[in-house]
Amino acid sequence: RKHLSTLYQDMRMLLKLTSQQMNANELIDFEHSLSSL
């Protein structure tokens, strides 16, 4: 299960990067249109 720990750490890093991106771009509310996500 060592790889689960590695994936967990990688996902935490991705979460942190994405969170920083969100904080850097304080958003105005707008209508979401990407239903393919």
PDB file of all heavy atoms in Angstrom:
ATOM      1  N   ARG A   1       0.819  -1.213   0.000  1.00  0.00           N
ATOM      2  CA  ARG A   1       0.000   0.000   0.000  1.00  0.00           C
ATOM      3  C   ARG A   1       0.854   1.266   0.000  1.00  0.00           C
ATOM      4  O   ARG A   1       0.338   2.364   0.123  1.00  0.00           O
ATOM      5  CB  ARG A   1      -0.943  -0.002   1.200  1.00  0.00           C
ATOM      6  CG  ARG A   1      -1.837  -1.224   1.274  1.00  0.00           C
ATOM      7  CD  ARG A   1      -2.736  -1.325   0.081  1.00  0.00           C
ATOM      8  NE  ARG A   1      -3.544  -2.536   0.210  1.00  0.00           N
ATOM      9  CZ  ARG A   1      -4.173  -3.112  -0.763  1.00  0.00           C
ATOM     10  NH1 ARG A   1      -4.092  -2.633  -1.964  1.00  0.00           N
ATOM     11  NH2 ARG A   1      -4.880  -4.197  -0.570  1.00  0.00           N
ATOM     12  N   LYS A   2       2.145   1.098  -0.179  1.00  0.00           N
ATOM     13  CA  LYS A   2       3.042   2.245  -0.212  1.00  0.00           C
ATOM     14  C   LYS A   2       2.643   3.224  -1.316  1.00  0.00           C
ATOM     15  O   LYS A   2       2.721   4.438  -1.139  1.00  0.00           O
ATOM     16  CB  LYS A   2       4.475   1.762  -0.426  1.00  0.00           C
ATOM     17  CG  LYS A   2       5.512   2.850  -0.419  1.00  0.00           C
ATOM     18  CD  LYS A   2       6.892   2.226  -0.491  1.00  0.00           C
ATOM     19  CE  LYS A   2       7.608   2.743  -1.695  1.00  0.00           C
ATOM     20  NZ  LYS A   2       8.918   2.173  -1.875  1.00  0.00           N
ATOM     21  N   HIS A   3       2.199   2.690  -2.450  1.00  0.00           N
ATOM     22  CA  HIS A   3       1.814   3.547  -3.562  1.00  0.00           C
ATOM     23  C   HIS A   3       0.580   4.384  -3.226  1.00  0.00           C
ATOM     24  O   HIS A   3       0.437   5.493  -3.751  1.00  0.00           O
ATOM     25  CB  HIS A   3       1.584   2.729  -4.824  1.00  0.00           C
ATOM     26  CG  HIS A   3       2.844   2.172  -5.388  1.00  0.00           C
ATOM     27  ND1 HIS A   3       3.779   2.962  -6.011  1.00  0.00           N
ATOM     28  CD2 HIS A   3       3.337   0.918  -5.389  1.00  0.00           C
ATOM     29  CE1 HIS A   3       4.793   2.209  -6.395  1.00  0.00           C
ATOM     30  NE2 HIS A   3       4.552   0.957  -6.030  1.00  0.00           N
ATOM     31  N   LEU A   4      -0.299   3.872  -2.380  1.00  0.00           N
ATOM     32  CA  LEU A   4      -1.449   4.681  -1.958  1.00  0.00           C
ATOM     33  C   LEU A   4      -0.972   5.923  -1.224  1.00  0.00           C
ATOM     34  O   LEU A   4      -1.522   7.009  -1.410  1.00  0.00           O
ATOM     35  CB  LEU A   4      -2.399   3.868  -1.067  1.00  0.00           C
ATOM     36  CG  LEU A   4      -3.240   2.803  -1.763  1.00  0.00           C
ATOM     37  CD1 LEU A   4      -4.046   2.024  -0.739  1.00  0.00           C
ATOM     38  CD2 LEU A   4      -4.143   3.420  -2.810  1.00  0.00           C
ATOM     39  N   SER A   5       0.063   5.770  -0.418  1.00  0.00           N
ATOM     40  CA  SER A   5       0.626   6.926   0.288  1.00  0.00           C
ATOM     41  C   SER A   5       1.216   7.920  -0.688  1.00  0.00           C
ATOM     42  O   SER A   5       1.047   9.135  -0.529  1.00  0.00           O
ATOM     43  CB  SER A   5       1.698   6.479   1.284  1.00  0.00           C
ATOM     44  OG  SER A   5       1.115   5.738   2.319  1.00  0.00           O
ATOM     45  N   THR A   6       1.900   7.429  -1.700  1.00  0.00           N
ATOM     46  CA  THR A   6       2.491   8.314  -2.702  1.00  0.00           C
ATOM     47  C   THR A   6       1.402   9.044  -3.478  1.00  0.00           C
ATOM     48  O   THR A   6       1.485  10.258  -3.686  1.00  0.00           O
ATOM     49  CB  THR A   6       3.381   7.508  -3.674  1.00  0.00           C
ATOM     50  OG1 THR A   6       4.378   6.824  -2.925  1.00  0.00           O
ATOM     51  CG2 THR A   6       4.027   8.393  -4.705  1.00  0.00           C
ATOM     52  N   LEU A   7       0.370   8.321  -3.899  1.00  0.00           N
ATOM     53  CA  LEU A   7      -0.743   8.955  -4.606  1.00  0.00           C
ATOM     54  C   LEU A   7      -1.449   9.968  -3.714  1.00  0.00           C
ATOM     55  O   LEU A   7      -1.836  11.046  -4.172  1.00  0.00           O
ATOM     56  CB  LEU A   7      -1.741   7.900  -5.090  1.00  0.00           C
ATOM     57  CG  LEU A   7      -1.337   7.107  -6.314  1.00  0.00           C
ATOM     58  CD1 LEU A   7      -2.318   5.964  -6.554  1.00  0.00           C
ATOM     59  CD2 LEU A   7      -1.253   8.007  -7.530  1.00  0.00           C
ATOM     60  N   TYR A   8      -1.610   9.614  -2.453  1.00  0.00           N
ATOM     61  CA  TYR A   8      -2.233  10.524  -1.492  1.00  0.00           C
ATOM     62  C   TYR A   8      -1.427  11.826  -1.406  1.00  0.00           C
ATOM     63  O   TYR A   8      -1.999  12.926  -1.469  1.00  0.00           O
ATOM     64  CB  TYR A   8      -2.317   9.836  -0.117  1.00  0.00           C
ATOM     65  CG  TYR A   8      -2.770  10.740   0.998  1.00  0.00           C
ATOM     66  CD1 TYR A   8      -4.111  11.070   1.139  1.00  0.00           C
ATOM     67  CD2 TYR A   8      -1.857  11.240   1.910  1.00  0.00           C
ATOM     68  CE1 TYR A   8      -4.529  11.901   2.172  1.00  0.00           C
ATOM     69  CE2 TYR A   8      -2.267  12.074   2.948  1.00  0.00           C
ATOM     70  CZ  TYR A   8      -3.605  12.396   3.076  1.00  0.00           C
ATOM     71  OH  TYR A   8      -4.005  13.227   4.088  1.00  0.00           O
ATOM     72  N   GLN A   9      -0.109  11.725  -1.296  1.00  0.00           N
ATOM     73  CA  GLN A   9       0.744  12.921  -1.220  1.00  0.00           C
ATOM     74  C   GLN A   9       0.669  13.735  -2.516  1.00  0.00           C
ATOM     75  O   GLN A   9       0.616  14.971  -2.475  1.00  0.00           O
ATOM     76  CB  GLN A   9       2.200  12.536  -0.924  1.00  0.00           C
ATOM     77  CG  GLN A   9       2.425  11.982   0.466  1.00  0.00           C
ATOM     78  CD  GLN A   9       1.999  12.962   1.553  1.00  0.00           C
ATOM     79  OE1 GLN A   9       2.180  14.168   1.441  1.00  0.00           O
ATOM     80  NE2 GLN A   9       1.422  12.427   2.609  1.00  0.00           N
ATOM     81  N   ASP A  10       0.661  13.055  -3.656  1.00  0.00           N
ATOM     82  CA  ASP A  10       0.553  13.752  -4.938  1.00  0.00           C
ATOM     83  C   ASP A  10      -0.787  14.482  -5.062  1.00  0.00           C
ATOM     84  O   ASP A  10      -0.839  15.616  -5.555  1.00  0.00           O
ATOM     85  CB  ASP A  10       0.713  12.780  -6.106  1.00  0.00           C
ATOM     86  CG  ASP A  10       2.140  12.269  -6.256  1.00  0.00           C
ATOM     87  OD1 ASP A  10       3.062  12.871  -5.667  1.00  0.00           O
ATOM     88  OD2 ASP A  10       2.323  11.264  -6.968  1.00  0.00           O
ATOM     89  N   MET A  11      -1.848  13.840  -4.615  1.00  0.00           N
ATOM     90  CA  MET A  11      -3.162  14.493  -4.674  1.00  0.00           C
ATOM     91  C   MET A  11      -3.222  15.684  -3.720  1.00  0.00           C
ATOM     92  O   MET A  11      -3.852  16.698  -4.034  1.00  0.00           O
ATOM     93  CB  MET A  11      -4.286  13.489  -4.371  1.00  0.00           C
ATOM     94  CG  MET A  11      -4.572  12.523  -5.504  1.00  0.00           C
ATOM     95  SD  MET A  11      -5.017  13.298  -7.084  1.00  0.00           S
ATOM     96  CE  MET A  11      -6.579  14.055  -6.663  1.00  0.00           C
ATOM     97  N   ARG A  12      -2.575  15.565  -2.579  1.00  0.00           N
ATOM     98  CA  ARG A  12      -2.510  16.714  -1.657  1.00  0.00           C
ATOM     99  C   ARG A  12      -1.763  17.878  -2.309  1.00  0.00           C
ATOM    100  O   ARG A  12      -2.161  19.036  -2.172  1.00  0.00           O
ATOM    101  CB  ARG A  12      -1.836  16.320  -0.355  1.00  0.00           C
ATOM    102  CG  ARG A  12      -2.755  15.528   0.556  1.00  0.00           C
ATOM    103  CD  ARG A  12      -2.145  15.290   1.881  1.00  0.00           C
ATOM    104  NE  ARG A  12      -1.662  16.558   2.440  1.00  0.00           N
ATOM    105  CZ  ARG A  12      -1.321  16.737   3.692  1.00  0.00           C
ATOM    106  NH1 ARG A  12      -1.395  15.733   4.524  1.00  0.00           N
ATOM    107  NH2 ARG A  12      -0.886  17.893   4.123  1.00  0.00           N
ATOM    108  N   MET A  13      -0.693  17.565  -3.043  1.00  0.00           N
ATOM    109  CA  MET A  13       0.063  18.603  -3.734  1.00  0.00           C
ATOM    110  C   MET A  13      -0.797  19.253  -4.822  1.00  0.00           C
ATOM    111  O   MET A  13      -0.804  20.477  -4.978  1.00  0.00           O
ATOM    112  CB  MET A  13       1.338  18.033  -4.348  1.00  0.00           C
ATOM    113  CG  MET A  13       2.214  19.101  -4.990  1.00  0.00           C
ATOM    114  SD  MET A  13       3.678  18.453  -5.810  1.00  0.00           S
ATOM    115  CE  MET A  13       4.440  17.510  -4.511  1.00  0.00           C
ATOM    116  N   LEU A  14      -1.532  18.429  -5.565  1.00  0.00           N
ATOM    117  CA  LEU A  14      -2.421  18.949  -6.601  1.00  0.00           C
ATOM    118  C   LEU A  14      -3.519  19.806  -5.976  1.00  0.00           C
ATOM    119  O   LEU A  14      -3.861  20.872  -6.501  1.00  0.00           O
ATOM    120  CB  LEU A  14      -3.017  17.798  -7.408  1.00  0.00           C
ATOM    121  CG  LEU A  14      -3.928  18.173  -8.575  1.00  0.00           C
ATOM    122  CD1 LEU A  14      -3.220  19.080  -9.578  1.00  0.00           C
ATOM    123  CD2 LEU A  14      -4.437  16.903  -9.252  1.00  0.00           C
ATOM    124  N   LEU A  15      -4.056  19.366  -4.851  1.00  0.00           N
ATOM    125  CA  LEU A  15      -5.071  20.140  -4.132  1.00  0.00           C
ATOM    126  C   LEU A  15      -4.498  21.504  -3.721  1.00  0.00           C
ATOM    127  O   LEU A  15      -5.146  22.541  -3.890  1.00  0.00           O
ATOM    128  CB  LEU A  15      -5.551  19.363  -2.903  1.00  0.00           C
ATOM    129  CG  LEU A  15      -6.577  20.029  -2.008  1.00  0.00           C
ATOM    130  CD1 LEU A  15      -7.885  20.264  -2.737  1.00  0.00           C
ATOM    131  CD2 LEU A  15      -6.826  19.170  -0.769  1.00  0.00           C
ATOM    132  N   LYS A  16      -3.280  21.507  -3.222  1.00  0.00           N
ATOM    133  CA  LYS A  16      -2.641  22.753  -2.795  1.00  0.00           C
ATOM    134  C   LYS A  16      -2.412  23.697  -3.981  1.00  0.00           C
ATOM    135  O   LYS A  16      -2.728  24.889  -3.895  1.00  0.00           O
ATOM    136  CB  LYS A  16      -1.310  22.443  -2.108  1.00  0.00           C
ATOM    137  CG  LYS A  16      -0.583  23.667  -1.611  1.00  0.00           C
ATOM    138  CD  LYS A  16       0.718  23.289  -0.939  1.00  0.00           C
ATOM    139  CE  LYS A  16       1.476  24.545  -0.528  1.00  0.00           C
ATOM    140  NZ  LYS A  16       2.764  24.217   0.074  1.00  0.00           N
ATOM    141  N   LEU A  17      -1.889  23.174  -5.089  1.00  0.00           N
ATOM    142  CA  LEU A  17      -1.665  24.006  -6.280  1.00  0.00           C
ATOM    143  C   LEU A  17      -2.972  24.585  -6.818  1.00  0.00           C
ATOM    144  O   LEU A  17      -3.036  25.755  -7.192  1.00  0.00           O
ATOM    145  CB  LEU A  17      -0.993  23.194  -7.386  1.00  0.00           C
ATOM    146  CG  LEU A  17       0.499  23.014  -7.322  1.00  0.00           C
ATOM    147  CD1 LEU A  17       0.969  22.060  -8.417  1.00  0.00           C
ATOM    148  CD2 LEU A  17       1.209  24.343  -7.461  1.00  0.00           C
ATOM    149  N   THR A  18      -3.992  23.748  -6.858  1.00  0.00           N
ATOM    150  CA  THR A  18      -5.292  24.200  -7.355  1.00  0.00           C
ATOM    151  C   THR A  18      -5.882  25.245  -6.424  1.00  0.00           C
ATOM    152  O   THR A  18      -6.451  26.239  -6.873  1.00  0.00           O
ATOM    153  CB  THR A  18      -6.248  23.002  -7.517  1.00  0.00           C
ATOM    154  OG1 THR A  18      -5.617  22.021  -8.348  1.00  0.00           O
ATOM    155  CG2 THR A  18      -7.552  23.411  -8.151  1.00  0.00           C
ATOM    156  N   SER A  19      -5.732  25.049  -5.130  1.00  0.00           N
ATOM    157  CA  SER A  19      -6.218  26.019  -4.152  1.00  0.00           C
ATOM    158  C   SER A  19      -5.498  27.361  -4.309  1.00  0.00           C
ATOM    159  O   SER A  19      -6.120  28.418  -4.253  1.00  0.00           O
ATOM    160  CB  SER A  19      -6.014  25.467  -2.743  1.00  0.00           C
ATOM    161  OG  SER A  19      -6.440  26.394  -1.789  1.00  0.00           O
ATOM    162  N   GLN A  20      -4.193  27.311  -4.533  1.00  0.00           N
ATOM    163  CA  GLN A  20      -3.434  28.543  -4.754  1.00  0.00           C
ATOM    164  C   GLN A  20      -3.916  29.248  -6.016  1.00  0.00           C
ATOM    165  O   GLN A  20      -4.025  30.472  -6.043  1.00  0.00           O
ATOM    166  CB  GLN A  20      -1.937  28.241  -4.867  1.00  0.00           C
ATOM    167  CG  GLN A  20      -1.315  27.840  -3.563  1.00  0.00           C
ATOM    168  CD  GLN A  20       0.118  27.317  -3.736  1.00  0.00           C
ATOM    169  OE1 GLN A  20       0.575  27.053  -4.841  1.00  0.00           O
ATOM    170  NE2 GLN A  20       0.810  27.163  -2.620  1.00  0.00           N
ATOM    171  N   GLN A  21      -4.206  28.495  -7.040  1.00  0.00           N
ATOM    172  CA  GLN A  21      -4.710  29.073  -8.286  1.00  0.00           C
ATOM    173  C   GLN A  21      -6.057  29.742  -8.038  1.00  0.00           C
ATOM    174  O   GLN A  21      -6.309  30.832  -8.540  1.00  0.00           O
ATOM    175  CB  GLN A  21      -4.843  27.997  -9.361  1.00  0.00           C
ATOM    176  CG  GLN A  21      -5.414  28.466 -10.669  1.00  0.00           C
ATOM    177  CD  GLN A  21      -4.504  29.408 -11.425  1.00  0.00           C
ATOM    178  OE1 GLN A  21      -3.306  29.465 -11.189  1.00  0.00           O
ATOM    179  NE2 GLN A  21      -5.068  30.182 -12.316  1.00  0.00           N
ATOM    180  N   MET A  22      -6.904  29.092  -7.260  1.00  0.00           N
ATOM    181  CA  MET A  22      -8.214  29.672  -6.946  1.00  0.00           C
ATOM    182  C   MET A  22      -8.051  30.957  -6.129  1.00  0.00           C
ATOM    183  O   MET A  22      -8.739  31.933  -6.385  1.00  0.00           O
ATOM    184  CB  MET A  22      -9.075  28.667  -6.169  1.00  0.00           C
ATOM    185  CG  MET A  22      -9.514  27.472  -6.973  1.00  0.00           C
ATOM    186  SD  MET A  22     -10.634  27.871  -8.314  1.00  0.00           S
ATOM    187  CE  MET A  22     -11.973  28.619  -7.420  1.00  0.00           C
ATOM    188  N   ASN A  23      -7.129  30.948  -5.172  1.00  0.00           N
ATOM    189  CA  ASN A  23      -6.911  32.135  -4.350  1.00  0.00           C
ATOM    190  C   ASN A  23      -6.320  33.277  -5.160  1.00  0.00           C
ATOM    191  O   ASN A  23      -6.588  34.446  -4.883  1.00  0.00           O
ATOM    192  CB  ASN A  23      -6.003  31.810  -3.166  1.00  0.00           C
ATOM    193  CG  ASN A  23      -6.683  30.901  -2.160  1.00  0.00           C
ATOM    194  OD1 ASN A  23      -7.905  30.832  -2.103  1.00  0.00           O
ATOM    195  ND2 ASN A  23      -5.888  30.182  -1.389  1.00  0.00           N
ATOM    196  N   ALA A  24      -5.501  32.953  -6.151  1.00  0.00           N
ATOM    197  CA  ALA A  24      -4.889  33.980  -6.990  1.00  0.00           C
ATOM    198  C   ALA A  24      -5.917  34.634  -7.904  1.00  0.00           C
ATOM    199  O   ALA A  24      -5.743  35.766  -8.338  1.00  0.00           O
ATOM    200  CB  ALA A  24      -3.768  33.378  -7.828  1.00  0.00           C
ATOM    201  N   ASN A  25      -6.976  33.927  -8.197  1.00  0.00           N
ATOM    202  CA  ASN A  25      -8.027  34.436  -9.091  1.00  0.00           C
ATOM    203  C   ASN A  25      -9.343  34.531  -8.346  1.00  0.00           C
ATOM    204  O   ASN A  25     -10.250  33.761  -8.603  1.00  0.00           O
ATOM    205  CB  ASN A  25      -8.210  33.511 -10.296  1.00  0.00           C
ATOM    206  CG  ASN A  25      -7.005  33.463 -11.177  1.00  0.00           C
ATOM    207  OD1 ASN A  25      -6.308  34.446 -11.322  1.00  0.00           O
ATOM    208  ND2 ASN A  25      -6.741  32.306 -11.755  1.00  0.00           N
ATOM    209  N   GLU A  26      -9.436  35.467  -7.410  1.00  0.00           N
ATOM    210  CA  GLU A  26     -10.702  35.654  -6.709  1.00  0.00           C
ATOM    211  C   GLU A  26     -11.780  35.883  -7.758  1.00  0.00           C
ATOM    212  O   GLU A  26     -11.658  36.752  -8.614  1.00  0.00           O
ATOM    213  CB  GLU A  26     -10.624  36.836  -5.749  1.00  0.00           C
ATOM    214  CG  GLU A  26      -9.736  36.576  -4.550  1.00  0.00           C
ATOM    215  CD  GLU A  26     -10.205  35.431  -3.674  1.00  0.00           C
ATOM    216  OE1 GLU A  26     -11.430  35.243  -3.497  1.00  0.00           O
ATOM    217  OE2 GLU A  26      -9.349  34.698  -3.172  1.00  0.00           O
ATOM    218  N   LEU A  27     -12.806  35.074  -7.695  1.00  0.00           N
ATOM    219  CA  LEU A  27     -13.787  35.070  -8.768  1.00  0.00           C
ATOM    220  C   LEU A  27     -15.031  35.882  -8.467  1.00  0.00           C
ATOM    221  O   LEU A  27     -15.483  35.970  -7.333  1.00  0.00           O
ATOM    222  CB  LEU A  27     -14.244  33.629  -9.044  1.00  0.00           C
ATOM    223  CG  LEU A  27     -13.169  32.683  -9.508  1.00  0.00           C
ATOM    224  CD1 LEU A  27     -13.764  31.307  -9.684  1.00  0.00           C
ATOM    225  CD2 LEU A  27     -12.598  33.170 -10.798  1.00  0.00           C
ATOM    226  N   ILE A  28     -15.540  36.424  -9.539  1.00  0.00           N
ATOM    227  CA  ILE A  28     -16.863  36.997  -9.526  1.00  0.00           C
ATOM    228  C   ILE A  28     -17.773  35.833  -9.888  1.00  0.00           C
ATOM    229  O   ILE A  28     -17.432  35.009 -10.735  1.00  0.00           O
ATOM    230  CB  ILE A  28     -16.972  38.113 -10.593  1.00  0.00           C
ATOM    231  CG1 ILE A  28     -15.925  39.182 -10.314  1.00  0.00           C
ATOM    232  CG2 ILE A  28     -18.368  38.676 -10.661  1.00  0.00           C
ATOM    233  CD1 ILE A  28     -15.739  40.163 -11.451  1.00  0.00           C
ATOM    234  N   ASP A  29     -18.938  35.742  -9.254  1.00  0.00           N
ATOM    235  CA  ASP A  29     -19.838  34.648  -9.616  1.00  0.00           C
ATOM    236  C   ASP A  29     -20.300  34.811 -11.058  1.00  0.00           C
ATOM    237  O   ASP A  29     -20.596  35.904 -11.512  1.00  0.00           O
ATOM    238  CB  ASP A  29     -21.058  34.619  -8.696  1.00  0.00           C
ATOM    239  CG  ASP A  29     -20.779  33.882  -7.412  1.00  0.00           C
ATOM    240  OD1 ASP A  29     -19.836  33.072  -7.394  1.00  0.00           O
ATOM    241  OD2 ASP A  29     -21.494  34.124  -6.432  1.00  0.00           O
ATOM    242  N   PHE A  30     -20.342  33.714 -11.769  1.00  0.00           N
ATOM    243  CA  PHE A  30     -20.817  33.702 -13.135  1.00  0.00           C
ATOM    244  C   PHE A  30     -21.452  32.352 -13.397  1.00  0.00           C
ATOM    245  O   PHE A  30     -21.292  31.417 -12.629  1.00  0.00           O
ATOM    246  CB  PHE A  30     -19.696  33.995 -14.143  1.00  0.00           C
ATOM    247  CG  PHE A  30     -18.520  33.053 -14.022  1.00  0.00           C
ATOM    248  CD1 PHE A  30     -18.488  31.859 -14.714  1.00  0.00           C
ATOM    249  CD2 PHE A  30     -17.444  33.375 -13.199  1.00  0.00           C
ATOM    250  CE1 PHE A  30     -17.414  31.000 -14.591  1.00  0.00           C
ATOM    251  CE2 PHE A  30     -16.364  32.520 -13.083  1.00  0.00           C
ATOM    252  CZ  PHE A  30     -16.354  31.330 -13.779  1.00  0.00           C
ATOM    253  N   GLU A  31     -22.174  32.282 -14.488  1.00  0.00           N
ATOM    254  CA  GLU A  31     -22.868  31.044 -14.827  1.00  0.00           C
ATOM    255  C   GLU A  31     -21.872  30.007 -15.344  1.00  0.00           C
ATOM    256  O   GLU A  31     -21.061  30.282 -16.204  1.00  0.00           O
ATOM    257  CB  GLU A  31     -23.907  31.338 -15.902  1.00  0.00           C
ATOM    258  CG  GLU A  31     -24.884  30.209 -16.098  1.00  0.00           C
ATOM    259  CD  GLU A  31     -26.034  30.621 -16.983  1.00  0.00           C
ATOM    260  OE1 GLU A  31     -26.614  31.688 -16.735  1.00  0.00           O
ATOM    261  OE2 GLU A  31     -26.333  29.864 -17.919  1.00  0.00           O
ATOM    262  N   HIS A  32     -21.932  28.804 -14.796  1.00  0.00           N
ATOM    263  CA  HIS A  32     -21.046  27.717 -15.218  1.00  0.00           C
ATOM    264  C   HIS A  32     -21.679  26.977 -16.382  1.00  0.00           C
ATOM    265  O   HIS A  32     -22.859  26.675 -16.360  1.00  0.00           O
ATOM    266  CB  HIS A  32     -20.797  26.754 -14.054  1.00  0.00           C
ATOM    267  CG  HIS A  32     -20.157  27.411 -12.879  1.00  0.00           C
ATOM    268  ND1 HIS A  32     -18.837  27.779 -12.855  1.00  0.00           N
ATOM    269  CD2 HIS A  32     -20.663  27.803 -11.699  1.00  0.00           C
ATOM    270  CE1 HIS A  32     -18.554  28.341 -11.710  1.00  0.00           C
ATOM    271  NE2 HIS A  32     -19.648  28.381 -10.986  1.00  0.00           N
ATOM    272  N   SER A  33     -20.861  26.677 -17.374  1.00  0.00           N
ATOM    273  CA  SER A  33     -21.427  26.059 -18.570  1.00  0.00           C
ATOM    274  C   SER A  33     -20.706  24.788 -19.025  1.00  0.00           C
ATOM    275  O   SER A  33     -21.086  24.206 -20.008  1.00  0.00           O
ATOM    276  CB  SER A  33     -21.408  27.077 -19.717  1.00  0.00           C
ATOM    277  OG  SER A  33     -20.074  27.469 -19.978  1.00  0.00           O
ATOM    278  N   LEU A  34     -19.669  24.355 -18.321  1.00  0.00           N
ATOM    279  CA  LEU A  34     -18.926  23.175 -18.755  1.00  0.00           C
ATOM    280  C   LEU A  34     -19.526  21.904 -18.148  1.00  0.00           C
ATOM    281  O   LEU A  34     -19.117  21.446 -17.103  1.00  0.00           O
ATOM    282  CB  LEU A  34     -17.454  23.282 -18.347  1.00  0.00           C
ATOM    283  CG  LEU A  34     -16.560  24.089 -19.248  1.00  0.00           C
ATOM    284  CD1 LEU A  34     -15.152  24.159 -18.676  1.00  0.00           C
ATOM    285  CD2 LEU A  34     -16.524  23.520 -20.639  1.00  0.00           C
ATOM    286  N   SER A  35     -20.468  21.331 -18.851  1.00  0.00           N
ATOM    287  CA  SER A  35     -21.105  20.113 -18.355  1.00  0.00           C
ATOM    288  C   SER A  35     -20.245  18.878 -18.629  1.00  0.00           C
ATOM    289  O   SER A  35     -20.558  17.792 -18.142  1.00  0.00           O
ATOM    290  CB  SER A  35     -22.482  19.944 -18.984  1.00  0.00           C
ATOM    291  OG  SER A  35     -22.350  19.861 -20.387  1.00  0.00           O
ATOM    292  N   SER A  36     -19.166  19.036 -19.394  1.00  0.00           N
ATOM    293  CA  SER A  36     -18.319  17.897 -19.740  1.00  0.00           C
ATOM    294  C   SER A  36     -17.294  17.561 -18.657  1.00  0.00           C
ATOM    295  O   SER A  36     -16.605  16.547 -18.754  1.00  0.00           O
ATOM    296  CB  SER A  36     -17.595  18.167 -21.061  1.00  0.00           C
ATOM    297  OG  SER A  36     -16.838  19.361 -20.981  1.00  0.00           O
ATOM    298  N   LEU A  37     -17.194  18.388 -17.624  1.00  0.00           N
ATOM    299  CA  LEU A  37     -16.267  18.095 -16.527  1.00  0.00           C
ATOM    300  C   LEU A  37     -16.837  16.997 -15.636  1.00  0.00           C
ATOM    301  O   LEU A  37     -18.057  16.864 -15.510  1.00  0.00           O
ATOM    302  CB  LEU A  37     -16.021  19.351 -15.687  1.00  0.00           C
ATOM    303  CG  LEU A  37     -15.163  20.422 -16.345  1.00  0.00           C
ATOM    304  CD1 LEU A  37     -15.226  21.714 -15.535  1.00  0.00           C
ATOM    305  CD2 LEU A  37     -13.727  19.949 -16.477  1.00  0.00           C
TER     306      LEU A  37
END
